[in-house]
Amino acid sequence: MSDPESPAALGERIDALEMRIAYQDDTIETLNRTVTEQWRQIDMLSREVLHLRERIEEAETKSRAASGEPEIPPHY
């Protein structure tokens, strides 16, 4: 049985820790890229929803004006 304090055992532990850190760094970088891309998509979709909402409101206003219906008050 080898001594856990021996230089060889310590070297093995250090190697194992370095491999774990390298793997974790890679995982963190991958997650960061994924979150950044998702944030861009959310931002783009939010702007698109806002644009579509404005177009719907505009179409409703034109539809009411064309049909002769009175406009709905803003507090309604």
N, C-alpha and C. Protein backbone atom coordinates (compact mmCIF):
# COMPACT_ATOMS: atom_id res chain seq x y z
N MET A 1 0.84 -1.17 0.00
CA MET A 1 0.00 0.00 0.00
C MET A 1 0.90 1.24 0.00
N SER A 2 0.60 2.19 -0.84
CA SER A 2 1.45 3.38 -0.93
C SER A 2 1.04 4.43 0.08
N ASP A 3 2.00 5.20 0.48
CA ASP A 3 1.79 6.27 1.45
C ASP A 3 1.08 7.43 0.75
N PRO A 4 -0.07 7.91 1.29
CA PRO A 4 -0.80 9.01 0.65
C PRO A 4 -0.01 10.32 0.64
N GLU A 5 1.03 10.41 1.44
CA GLU A 5 1.85 11.61 1.49
C GLU A 5 3.10 11.49 0.61
N SER A 6 3.23 10.38 -0.07
CA SER A 6 4.43 10.20 -0.91
C SER A 6 4.38 11.14 -2.11
N PRO A 7 5.54 11.51 -2.61
CA PRO A 7 5.57 12.41 -3.77
C PRO A 7 4.79 11.87 -4.98
N ALA A 8 4.83 10.58 -5.18
CA ALA A 8 4.11 9.99 -6.32
C ALA A 8 2.60 10.13 -6.13
N ALA A 9 2.13 9.87 -4.90
CA ALA A 9 0.69 9.98 -4.62
C ALA A 9 0.24 11.43 -4.73
N LEU A 10 1.06 12.33 -4.22
CA LEU A 10 0.71 13.76 -4.32
C LEU A 10 0.69 14.21 -5.78
N GLY A 11 1.63 13.71 -6.56
CA GLY A 11 1.67 14.05 -7.98
C GLY A 11 0.42 13.56 -8.71
N GLU A 12 -0.03 12.35 -8.35
CA GLU A 12 -1.24 11.80 -8.95
C GLU A 12 -2.46 12.63 -8.57
N ARG A 13 -2.53 13.04 -7.33
CA ARG A 13 -3.65 13.87 -6.87
C ARG A 13 -3.65 15.22 -7.58
N ILE A 14 -2.48 15.80 -7.73
CA ILE A 14 -2.38 17.08 -8.43
C ILE A 14 -2.80 16.93 -9.89
N ASP A 15 -2.36 15.87 -10.54
CA ASP A 15 -2.75 15.62 -11.93
C ASP A 15 -4.26 15.47 -12.05
N ALA A 16 -4.85 14.72 -11.12
CA ALA A 16 -6.31 14.52 -11.14
C ALA A 16 -7.03 15.85 -10.95
N LEU A 17 -6.55 16.67 -10.03
CA LEU A 17 -7.17 17.98 -9.80
C LEU A 17 -7.02 18.89 -11.01
N GLU A 18 -5.87 18.86 -11.64
CA GLU A 18 -5.65 19.69 -12.83
C GLU A 18 -6.58 19.26 -13.96
N MET A 19 -6.79 17.96 -14.12
CA MET A 19 -7.71 17.49 -15.16
C MET A 19 -9.14 17.92 -14.85
N ARG A 20 -9.53 17.84 -13.58
CA ARG A 20 -10.88 18.27 -13.20
C ARG A 20 -11.06 19.76 -13.47
N ILE A 21 -10.07 20.56 -13.13
CA ILE A 21 -10.15 22.01 -13.34
C ILE A 21 -10.25 22.32 -14.83
N ALA A 22 -9.45 21.63 -15.64
CA ALA A 22 -9.50 21.86 -17.09
C ALA A 22 -10.88 21.50 -17.63
N TYR A 23 -11.44 20.39 -17.17
CA TYR A 23 -12.77 19.97 -17.61
C TYR A 23 -13.82 21.00 -17.16
N GLN A 24 -13.71 21.45 -15.93
CA GLN A 24 -14.67 22.43 -15.41
C GLN A 24 -14.55 23.75 -16.16
N ASP A 25 -13.34 24.19 -16.46
CA ASP A 25 -13.16 25.42 -17.24
C ASP A 25 -13.83 25.31 -18.60
N ASP A 26 -13.66 24.15 -19.25
CA ASP A 26 -14.29 23.94 -20.55
C ASP A 26 -15.81 23.96 -20.43
N THR A 27 -16.32 23.31 -19.39
CA THR A 27 -17.77 23.28 -19.17
C THR A 27 -18.31 24.68 -18.90
N ILE A 28 -17.62 25.44 -18.09
CA ILE A 28 -18.06 26.81 -17.78
C ILE A 28 -18.06 27.66 -19.04
N GLU A 29 -17.06 27.54 -19.87
CA GLU A 29 -16.99 28.31 -21.11
C GLU A 29 -18.12 27.92 -22.05
N THR A 30 -18.41 26.64 -22.15
CA THR A 30 -19.52 26.18 -22.99
C THR A 30 -20.84 26.72 -22.47
N LEU A 31 -21.05 26.66 -21.17
CA LEU A 31 -22.28 27.19 -20.58
C LEU A 31 -22.39 28.70 -20.80
N ASN A 32 -21.28 29.40 -20.69
CA ASN A 32 -21.28 30.85 -20.90
C ASN A 32 -21.69 31.18 -22.33
N ARG A 33 -21.13 30.45 -23.30
CA ARG A 33 -21.51 30.69 -24.70
C ARG A 33 -22.99 30.40 -24.93
N THR A 34 -23.48 29.34 -24.30
CA THR A 34 -24.90 28.97 -24.45
C THR A 34 -25.80 30.05 -23.86
N VAL A 35 -25.48 30.51 -22.67
CA VAL A 35 -26.29 31.55 -22.02
C VAL A 35 -26.25 32.84 -22.83
N THR A 36 -25.09 33.20 -23.34
CA THR A 36 -24.96 34.42 -24.14
C THR A 36 -25.82 34.32 -25.40
N GLU A 37 -25.79 33.19 -26.07
CA GLU A 37 -26.60 33.00 -27.29
C GLU A 37 -28.09 33.02 -26.95
N GLN A 38 -28.47 32.40 -25.85
CA GLN A 38 -29.87 32.41 -25.45
C GLN A 38 -30.32 33.84 -25.12
N TRP A 39 -29.48 34.61 -24.49
CA TRP A 39 -29.82 35.99 -24.17
C TRP A 39 -30.04 36.79 -25.45
N ARG A 40 -29.19 36.57 -26.45
CA ARG A 40 -29.37 37.25 -27.74
C ARG A 40 -30.71 36.87 -28.38
N GLN A 41 -31.03 35.59 -28.32
CA GLN A 41 -32.30 35.14 -28.89
C GLN A 41 -33.49 35.72 -28.13
N ILE A 42 -33.41 35.75 -26.81
CA ILE A 42 -34.49 36.33 -26.01
C ILE A 42 -34.66 37.80 -26.35
N ASP A 43 -33.56 38.52 -26.47
CA ASP A 43 -33.61 39.94 -26.81
C ASP A 43 -34.26 40.15 -28.18
N MET A 44 -33.85 39.34 -29.17
CA MET A 44 -34.41 39.45 -30.51
C MET A 44 -35.90 39.13 -30.50
N LEU A 45 -36.29 38.08 -29.80
CA LEU A 45 -37.70 37.69 -29.74
C LEU A 45 -38.53 38.73 -28.99
N SER A 46 -37.98 39.34 -27.97
CA SER A 46 -38.69 40.39 -27.24
C SER A 46 -38.96 41.59 -28.14
N ARG A 47 -37.95 41.96 -28.93
CA ARG A 47 -38.15 43.08 -29.86
C ARG A 47 -39.18 42.71 -30.92
N GLU A 48 -39.16 41.47 -31.38
CA GLU A 48 -40.12 41.04 -32.40
C GLU A 48 -41.54 41.03 -31.84
N VAL A 49 -41.71 40.57 -30.61
CA VAL A 49 -43.03 40.58 -29.98
C VAL A 49 -43.54 42.01 -29.83
N LEU A 50 -42.68 42.92 -29.43
CA LEU A 50 -43.07 44.32 -29.31
C LEU A 50 -43.50 44.88 -30.66
N HIS A 51 -42.74 44.58 -31.69
CA HIS A 51 -43.07 45.05 -33.04
C HIS A 51 -44.42 44.47 -33.48
N LEU A 52 -44.64 43.19 -33.24
CA LEU A 52 -45.91 42.57 -33.63
C LEU A 52 -47.07 43.16 -32.83
N ARG A 53 -46.85 43.43 -31.55
CA ARG A 53 -47.89 44.04 -30.73
C ARG A 53 -48.28 45.41 -31.30
N GLU A 54 -47.28 46.18 -31.69
CA GLU A 54 -47.55 47.50 -32.28
C GLU A 54 -48.33 47.36 -33.58
N ARG A 55 -47.97 46.38 -34.40
CA ARG A 55 -48.68 46.17 -35.67
C ARG A 55 -50.12 45.75 -35.43
N ILE A 56 -50.36 44.91 -34.41
CA ILE A 56 -51.73 44.48 -34.09
C ILE A 56 -52.55 45.66 -33.62
N GLU A 57 -51.98 46.48 -32.75
CA GLU A 57 -52.70 47.66 -32.26
C GLU A 57 -53.02 48.61 -33.42
N GLU A 58 -52.09 48.79 -34.32
CA GLU A 58 -52.31 49.64 -35.48
C GLU A 58 -53.42 49.08 -36.37
N ALA A 59 -53.39 47.77 -36.59
CA ALA A 59 -54.43 47.14 -37.42
C ALA A 59 -55.79 47.25 -36.75
N GLU A 60 -55.86 47.09 -35.43
CA GLU A 60 -57.13 47.23 -34.73
C GLU A 60 -57.66 48.65 -34.83
N THR A 61 -56.79 49.62 -34.70
CA THR A 61 -57.20 51.02 -34.82
C THR A 61 -57.74 51.30 -36.22
N LYS A 62 -57.05 50.83 -37.23
CA LYS A 62 -57.51 51.03 -38.61
C LYS A 62 -58.83 50.31 -38.85
N SER A 63 -58.98 49.14 -38.29
CA SER A 63 -60.20 48.37 -38.46
C SER A 63 -61.39 49.09 -37.83
N ARG A 64 -61.20 49.62 -36.64
CA ARG A 64 -62.28 50.37 -35.97
C ARG A 64 -62.61 51.63 -36.75
N ALA A 65 -61.59 52.31 -37.25
CA ALA A 65 -61.83 53.54 -38.01
C ALA A 65 -62.59 53.24 -39.30
N ALA A 66 -62.24 52.13 -39.94
CA ALA A 66 -62.90 51.77 -41.20
C ALA A 66 -64.33 51.31 -40.96
N SER A 67 -64.61 50.69 -39.83
CA SER A 67 -65.96 50.19 -39.57
C SER A 67 -66.85 51.24 -38.94
N GLY A 68 -66.29 52.36 -38.57
CA GLY A 68 -67.07 53.44 -37.97
C GLY A 68 -67.33 53.25 -36.49
N GLU A 69 -66.72 52.25 -35.88
CA GLU A 69 -66.88 52.06 -34.43
C GLU A 69 -66.12 53.16 -33.69
N PRO A 70 -66.68 53.61 -32.59
CA PRO A 70 -65.93 54.60 -31.80
C PRO A 70 -64.71 53.94 -31.17
N GLU A 71 -63.68 54.73 -30.97
CA GLU A 71 -62.46 54.21 -30.35
C GLU A 71 -62.71 53.85 -28.90
N ILE A 72 -62.07 52.81 -28.45
CA ILE A 72 -62.18 52.42 -27.04
C ILE A 72 -61.32 53.38 -26.23
N PRO A 73 -61.90 53.94 -25.17
CA PRO A 73 -61.12 54.86 -24.35
C PRO A 73 -59.89 54.16 -23.77
N PRO A 74 -58.81 54.92 -23.54
CA PRO A 74 -57.56 54.31 -23.05
C PRO A 74 -57.72 53.60 -21.70
N HIS A 75 -58.67 54.05 -20.87
CA HIS A 75 -58.83 53.43 -19.55
C HIS A 75 -59.67 52.17 -19.59
N TYR A 76 -60.22 51.81 -20.71
CA TYR A 76 -61.11 50.65 -20.84
C TYR A 76 -60.36 49.37 -20.76
